[in-house]
Amino acid sequence: MLGCKGEIRAGATVAACVALPAHPATVLSHSEPRGEPAVSNGLALCSLHHAAFDRHILGIRPDLVVEIRSDILEEEDGPMLIHGLQSFQDHRILIPRSPIHHPNRDFLAERYELFRKAS
C-alpha cells in the first residue's frame, strides 16, 4: 500500500494519499459542476504525481488502485521514471480510517474514465 505516514488529519482538504510530501489535488476539477472544494473531492499527491494526475498520465481507479498510462510504462528513461511513476503501477492508495474522509468513488470513476480516454 502506498501513502502517507499516519493519517490525513480530520478537516484536511484531502482524502487520500499517494506519496510524500503531499499537497491537495482535486479529483474533479473545480470547473466541473460537481468539482466542489470538499474532502471527498480531494487527494494528497506529491507535485510529480499531481502533475501526472492532471495530465492523465496517472489514474486512480474507483477501487483506489493506481494505474500509469501504458505508453509511460513502456518508456525507458532512467531511475526517476522507474521509481517516480512506473513503480506505482497497481499499488493501492492509502486512505484515512474514517469513511467521511474517503475520496468519493463516483468522482474517482468519472476521473478514471477521462484517464482511460486519454490513454
N, C-alpha and C. Protein backbone atom coordinates (compact mmCIF):
# COMPACT_ATOMS: atom_id res chain seq x y z
N MET A 1 0.84 -1.18 0.00
CA MET A 1 0.00 0.00 0.00
C MET A 1 0.89 1.25 0.00
N LEU A 2 0.57 2.19 -0.82
CA LEU A 2 1.31 3.44 -0.89
C LEU A 2 0.67 4.45 0.02
N GLY A 3 1.43 5.43 0.42
CA GLY A 3 0.77 6.51 1.11
C GLY A 3 1.59 7.27 2.10
N CYS A 4 0.90 8.13 2.81
CA CYS A 4 1.49 9.00 3.81
C CYS A 4 1.71 8.22 5.09
N LYS A 5 2.63 8.68 5.90
CA LYS A 5 2.80 8.11 7.23
C LYS A 5 1.63 8.61 8.08
N GLY A 6 1.01 7.71 8.80
CA GLY A 6 -0.12 8.10 9.63
C GLY A 6 -1.35 8.36 8.79
N GLU A 7 -2.19 9.22 9.28
CA GLU A 7 -3.44 9.52 8.60
C GLU A 7 -3.50 10.97 8.17
N ILE A 8 -4.33 11.24 7.20
CA ILE A 8 -4.66 12.61 6.85
C ILE A 8 -5.50 13.13 8.01
N ARG A 9 -5.19 14.28 8.52
CA ARG A 9 -5.91 14.82 9.67
C ARG A 9 -7.36 15.16 9.31
N ALA A 10 -8.25 14.94 10.26
CA ALA A 10 -9.65 15.30 10.07
C ALA A 10 -9.73 16.80 9.75
N GLY A 11 -10.57 17.13 8.80
CA GLY A 11 -10.73 18.53 8.43
C GLY A 11 -9.75 18.98 7.36
N ALA A 12 -8.84 18.10 6.96
CA ALA A 12 -7.91 18.45 5.90
C ALA A 12 -8.68 18.55 4.59
N THR A 13 -8.08 19.16 3.60
CA THR A 13 -8.77 19.34 2.32
C THR A 13 -8.52 18.18 1.38
N VAL A 14 -7.91 17.11 1.86
CA VAL A 14 -7.63 15.96 1.01
C VAL A 14 -8.15 14.69 1.66
N ALA A 15 -8.40 13.68 0.83
CA ALA A 15 -8.99 12.46 1.33
C ALA A 15 -8.05 11.28 1.31
N ALA A 16 -7.09 11.25 0.43
CA ALA A 16 -6.23 10.08 0.31
C ALA A 16 -4.86 10.50 -0.15
N CYS A 17 -3.90 9.62 0.01
CA CYS A 17 -2.52 10.00 -0.25
C CYS A 17 -1.80 8.95 -1.08
N VAL A 18 -0.99 9.40 -2.03
CA VAL A 18 -0.18 8.51 -2.85
C VAL A 18 1.27 8.54 -2.38
N ALA A 19 1.86 9.69 -2.17
CA ALA A 19 3.27 9.77 -1.77
C ALA A 19 3.55 11.10 -1.06
N LEU A 20 4.65 11.13 -0.35
CA LEU A 20 5.06 12.34 0.37
C LEU A 20 6.18 13.06 -0.36
N PRO A 21 6.39 14.36 -0.17
CA PRO A 21 5.50 15.29 0.52
C PRO A 21 4.24 15.51 -0.32
N ALA A 22 3.14 15.72 0.34
CA ALA A 22 1.86 15.78 -0.35
C ALA A 22 1.20 17.14 -0.22
N HIS A 23 0.42 17.47 -1.23
CA HIS A 23 -0.41 18.67 -1.19
C HIS A 23 -1.72 18.36 -1.89
N PRO A 24 -2.75 19.17 -1.70
CA PRO A 24 -4.08 18.82 -2.21
C PRO A 24 -4.21 18.89 -3.72
N ALA A 25 -4.92 17.89 -4.24
CA ALA A 25 -5.28 17.83 -5.65
C ALA A 25 -6.76 17.47 -5.71
N THR A 26 -7.47 18.00 -6.67
CA THR A 26 -8.89 17.67 -6.79
C THR A 26 -9.08 16.49 -7.72
N VAL A 27 -10.06 15.65 -7.39
CA VAL A 27 -10.41 14.53 -8.26
C VAL A 27 -11.14 15.10 -9.48
N LEU A 28 -12.22 15.84 -9.22
CA LEU A 28 -12.93 16.54 -10.28
C LEU A 28 -12.54 18.01 -10.22
N SER A 29 -12.20 18.56 -11.34
CA SER A 29 -11.79 19.96 -11.43
C SER A 29 -12.86 20.88 -10.86
N HIS A 30 -12.43 21.98 -10.27
CA HIS A 30 -13.38 22.97 -9.76
C HIS A 30 -14.25 23.56 -10.86
N SER A 31 -13.81 23.43 -12.11
CA SER A 31 -14.62 23.94 -13.22
C SER A 31 -15.76 22.98 -13.58
N GLU A 32 -15.72 21.75 -13.06
CA GLU A 32 -16.79 20.78 -13.27
C GLU A 32 -17.96 21.10 -12.34
N PRO A 33 -19.18 20.80 -12.75
CA PRO A 33 -20.34 21.09 -11.89
C PRO A 33 -20.25 20.45 -10.50
N ARG A 34 -19.71 19.24 -10.40
CA ARG A 34 -19.60 18.56 -9.10
C ARG A 34 -18.22 18.72 -8.47
N GLY A 35 -17.37 19.53 -9.06
CA GLY A 35 -16.00 19.69 -8.58
C GLY A 35 -15.88 20.65 -7.42
N GLU A 36 -16.55 20.35 -6.35
CA GLU A 36 -16.58 21.24 -5.20
C GLU A 36 -15.34 21.09 -4.32
N PRO A 37 -14.97 22.13 -3.59
CA PRO A 37 -13.83 22.04 -2.68
C PRO A 37 -14.23 21.31 -1.39
N ALA A 38 -14.21 19.98 -1.46
CA ALA A 38 -14.62 19.15 -0.33
C ALA A 38 -13.62 18.02 -0.15
N VAL A 39 -13.55 17.49 1.04
CA VAL A 39 -12.63 16.39 1.33
C VAL A 39 -12.87 15.23 0.38
N SER A 40 -14.11 14.94 0.10
CA SER A 40 -14.45 13.80 -0.78
C SER A 40 -14.02 14.02 -2.22
N ASN A 41 -13.62 15.22 -2.58
CA ASN A 41 -13.14 15.53 -3.92
C ASN A 41 -11.63 15.79 -3.91
N GLY A 42 -10.95 15.28 -2.90
CA GLY A 42 -9.52 15.57 -2.80
C GLY A 42 -8.64 14.36 -2.66
N LEU A 43 -7.40 14.55 -3.07
CA LEU A 43 -6.33 13.58 -2.90
C LEU A 43 -5.09 14.34 -2.46
N ALA A 44 -4.23 13.68 -1.73
CA ALA A 44 -2.94 14.27 -1.37
C ALA A 44 -1.90 13.65 -2.29
N LEU A 45 -1.35 14.47 -3.18
CA LEU A 45 -0.37 13.99 -4.16
C LEU A 45 0.88 14.84 -4.09
N CYS A 46 2.04 14.21 -4.24
CA CYS A 46 3.26 15.00 -4.36
C CYS A 46 3.18 15.76 -5.68
N SER A 47 4.06 16.71 -5.88
CA SER A 47 3.97 17.55 -7.09
C SER A 47 4.11 16.73 -8.37
N LEU A 48 4.97 15.71 -8.38
CA LEU A 48 5.13 14.86 -9.56
C LEU A 48 3.83 14.12 -9.87
N HIS A 49 3.25 13.49 -8.85
CA HIS A 49 2.02 12.72 -9.08
C HIS A 49 0.83 13.62 -9.36
N HIS A 50 0.81 14.81 -8.77
CA HIS A 50 -0.25 15.77 -9.06
C HIS A 50 -0.20 16.16 -10.54
N ALA A 51 0.99 16.48 -11.03
CA ALA A 51 1.13 16.84 -12.45
C ALA A 51 0.75 15.67 -13.35
N ALA A 52 1.17 14.46 -12.99
CA ALA A 52 0.84 13.27 -13.78
C ALA A 52 -0.66 13.00 -13.75
N PHE A 53 -1.29 13.20 -12.60
CA PHE A 53 -2.74 13.01 -12.46
C PHE A 53 -3.49 14.04 -13.32
N ASP A 54 -3.08 15.29 -13.26
CA ASP A 54 -3.73 16.35 -14.05
C ASP A 54 -3.57 16.13 -15.55
N ARG A 55 -2.48 15.50 -15.96
CA ARG A 55 -2.21 15.27 -17.38
C ARG A 55 -2.63 13.88 -17.84
N HIS A 56 -3.34 13.16 -17.00
CA HIS A 56 -3.85 11.82 -17.31
C HIS A 56 -2.73 10.83 -17.62
N ILE A 57 -1.61 10.99 -16.96
CA ILE A 57 -0.51 10.02 -17.04
C ILE A 57 -0.69 8.99 -15.93
N LEU A 58 -1.22 9.44 -14.81
CA LEU A 58 -1.51 8.60 -13.66
C LEU A 58 -3.01 8.64 -13.42
N GLY A 59 -3.62 7.48 -13.29
CA GLY A 59 -5.04 7.40 -12.99
C GLY A 59 -5.26 6.63 -11.70
N ILE A 60 -6.36 6.90 -11.04
CA ILE A 60 -6.72 6.16 -9.82
C ILE A 60 -8.11 5.59 -10.04
N ARG A 61 -8.16 4.26 -10.02
CA ARG A 61 -9.43 3.57 -10.24
C ARG A 61 -10.34 3.76 -9.02
N PRO A 62 -11.64 3.53 -9.20
CA PRO A 62 -12.57 3.63 -8.07
C PRO A 62 -12.25 2.66 -6.93
N ASP A 63 -11.51 1.57 -7.22
CA ASP A 63 -11.10 0.64 -6.16
C ASP A 63 -9.80 1.09 -5.51
N LEU A 64 -9.37 2.33 -5.80
CA LEU A 64 -8.22 3.00 -5.17
C LEU A 64 -6.86 2.47 -5.63
N VAL A 65 -6.82 1.84 -6.77
CA VAL A 65 -5.58 1.31 -7.32
C VAL A 65 -5.05 2.28 -8.38
N VAL A 66 -3.74 2.53 -8.32
CA VAL A 66 -3.08 3.45 -9.24
C VAL A 66 -2.79 2.73 -10.56
N GLU A 67 -3.03 3.43 -11.65
CA GLU A 67 -2.64 2.96 -12.98
C GLU A 67 -1.80 4.04 -13.63
N ILE A 68 -0.78 3.61 -14.32
CA ILE A 68 0.07 4.51 -15.10
C ILE A 68 -0.23 4.23 -16.57
N ARG A 69 -0.33 5.29 -17.35
CA ARG A 69 -0.64 5.15 -18.77
C ARG A 69 0.33 4.18 -19.44
N SER A 70 -0.15 3.32 -20.32
CA SER A 70 0.65 2.25 -20.91
C SER A 70 1.89 2.74 -21.65
N ASP A 71 1.80 3.88 -22.35
CA ASP A 71 2.98 4.37 -23.06
C ASP A 71 4.08 4.79 -22.08
N ILE A 72 3.69 5.26 -20.90
CA ILE A 72 4.67 5.64 -19.88
C ILE A 72 5.30 4.39 -19.27
N LEU A 73 4.50 3.34 -19.10
CA LEU A 73 5.04 2.08 -18.57
C LEU A 73 6.07 1.46 -19.52
N GLU A 74 5.87 1.66 -20.81
CA GLU A 74 6.78 1.09 -21.81
C GLU A 74 8.03 1.94 -22.04
N GLU A 75 7.99 3.18 -21.63
CA GLU A 75 9.11 4.10 -21.82
C GLU A 75 10.32 3.67 -21.00
N GLU A 76 11.51 3.86 -21.55
CA GLU A 76 12.75 3.59 -20.84
C GLU A 76 13.53 4.89 -20.74
N ASP A 77 13.65 5.42 -19.51
CA ASP A 77 14.28 6.73 -19.38
C ASP A 77 15.00 6.93 -18.05
N GLY A 78 15.32 5.88 -17.36
CA GLY A 78 16.11 6.03 -16.16
C GLY A 78 15.36 5.89 -14.86
N PRO A 79 16.09 6.09 -13.75
CA PRO A 79 15.53 5.82 -12.43
C PRO A 79 14.39 6.73 -12.00
N MET A 80 14.37 7.98 -12.41
CA MET A 80 13.28 8.86 -11.99
C MET A 80 11.94 8.36 -12.55
N LEU A 81 11.94 7.96 -13.79
CA LEU A 81 10.72 7.43 -14.39
C LEU A 81 10.34 6.11 -13.72
N ILE A 82 11.31 5.26 -13.51
CA ILE A 82 11.04 3.95 -12.88
C ILE A 82 10.49 4.13 -11.47
N HIS A 83 11.20 4.87 -10.64
CA HIS A 83 10.83 4.99 -9.23
C HIS A 83 9.77 6.06 -8.97
N GLY A 84 9.70 7.06 -9.84
CA GLY A 84 8.76 8.15 -9.65
C GLY A 84 7.36 7.87 -10.16
N LEU A 85 7.26 7.04 -11.22
CA LEU A 85 5.94 6.76 -11.79
C LEU A 85 5.69 5.27 -12.00
N GLN A 86 6.55 4.62 -12.79
CA GLN A 86 6.28 3.25 -13.19
C GLN A 86 6.09 2.30 -12.00
N SER A 87 6.83 2.50 -10.94
CA SER A 87 6.75 1.59 -9.78
C SER A 87 5.44 1.73 -9.01
N PHE A 88 4.65 2.74 -9.31
CA PHE A 88 3.38 2.93 -8.63
C PHE A 88 2.25 2.14 -9.29
N GLN A 89 2.52 1.58 -10.45
CA GLN A 89 1.50 0.79 -11.17
C GLN A 89 0.95 -0.31 -10.26
N ASP A 90 -0.38 -0.39 -10.20
CA ASP A 90 -1.11 -1.44 -9.47
C ASP A 90 -0.98 -1.37 -7.95
N HIS A 91 -0.50 -0.27 -7.41
CA HIS A 91 -0.47 -0.11 -5.96
C HIS A 91 -1.74 0.60 -5.50
N ARG A 92 -2.17 0.26 -4.34
CA ARG A 92 -3.38 0.85 -3.76
C ARG A 92 -2.99 2.10 -2.95
N ILE A 93 -3.80 3.17 -3.10
CA ILE A 93 -3.52 4.39 -2.34
C ILE A 93 -3.95 4.19 -0.89
N LEU A 94 -3.36 4.95 -0.02
CA LEU A 94 -3.70 4.93 1.39
C LEU A 94 -4.84 5.92 1.64
N ILE A 95 -5.84 5.48 2.38
CA ILE A 95 -6.95 6.37 2.72
C ILE A 95 -7.08 6.44 4.24
N PRO A 96 -7.66 7.52 4.73
CA PRO A 96 -7.87 7.65 6.18
C PRO A 96 -8.81 6.56 6.71
N ARG A 97 -8.74 6.31 7.99
CA ARG A 97 -9.62 5.31 8.61
C ARG A 97 -11.08 5.71 8.54
N SER A 98 -11.36 6.97 8.75
CA SER A 98 -12.75 7.43 8.80
C SER A 98 -13.34 7.55 7.39
N PRO A 99 -14.44 6.85 7.13
CA PRO A 99 -15.08 6.90 5.80
C PRO A 99 -15.49 8.30 5.36
N ILE A 100 -15.76 9.20 6.30
CA ILE A 100 -16.17 10.55 5.88
C ILE A 100 -15.02 11.31 5.24
N HIS A 101 -13.80 10.80 5.37
CA HIS A 101 -12.63 11.44 4.76
C HIS A 101 -12.13 10.69 3.52
N HIS A 102 -12.91 9.74 3.03
CA HIS A 102 -12.52 8.98 1.84
C HIS A 102 -12.86 9.76 0.57
N PRO A 103 -12.09 9.53 -0.50
CA PRO A 103 -12.48 10.15 -1.78
C PRO A 103 -13.78 9.53 -2.28
N ASN A 104 -14.58 10.33 -2.93
CA ASN A 104 -15.84 9.88 -3.49
C ASN A 104 -15.56 8.91 -4.64
N ARG A 105 -16.04 7.69 -4.52
CA ARG A 105 -15.77 6.65 -5.54
C ARG A 105 -16.40 7.01 -6.89
N ASP A 106 -17.55 7.68 -6.87
CA ASP A 106 -18.17 8.11 -8.13
C ASP A 106 -17.30 9.16 -8.82
N PHE A 107 -16.72 10.06 -8.04
CA PHE A 107 -15.82 11.07 -8.60
C PHE A 107 -14.59 10.39 -9.19
N LEU A 108 -14.04 9.41 -8.46
CA LEU A 108 -12.87 8.67 -8.97
C LEU A 108 -13.22 7.94 -10.27
N ALA A 109 -14.41 7.35 -10.33
CA ALA A 109 -14.83 6.65 -11.55
C ALA A 109 -14.92 7.61 -12.73
N GLU A 110 -15.50 8.78 -12.49
CA GLU A 110 -15.62 9.79 -13.54
C GLU A 110 -14.24 10.24 -14.02
N ARG A 111 -13.35 10.50 -13.09
CA ARG A 111 -11.99 10.93 -13.43
C ARG A 111 -11.20 9.81 -14.11
N TYR A 112 -11.42 8.58 -13.66
CA TYR A 112 -10.72 7.43 -14.25
C TYR A 112 -11.14 7.25 -15.72
N GLU A 113 -12.40 7.52 -16.02
CA GLU A 113 -12.85 7.44 -17.42
C GLU A 113 -12.10 8.45 -18.29
N LEU A 114 -11.86 9.64 -17.76
CA LEU A 114 -11.07 10.63 -18.50
C LEU A 114 -9.65 10.11 -18.75
N PHE A 115 -9.08 9.48 -17.72
CA PHE A 115 -7.75 8.88 -17.84
C PHE A 115 -7.75 7.80 -18.93
N ARG A 116 -8.74 6.94 -18.92
CA ARG A 116 -8.82 5.85 -19.92
C ARG A 116 -8.96 6.41 -21.33
N LYS A 117 -9.76 7.45 -21.49
CA LYS A 117 -9.93 8.05 -22.81
C LYS A 117 -8.64 8.70 -23.31
N ALA A 118 -7.84 9.22 -22.39
CA ALA A 118 -6.58 9.84 -22.76
C ALA A 118 -5.50 8.81 -23.09
N SER A 119 -5.72 7.57 -22.66
CA SER A 119 -4.70 6.53 -22.88
C SER A 119 -4.70 6.09 -24.28
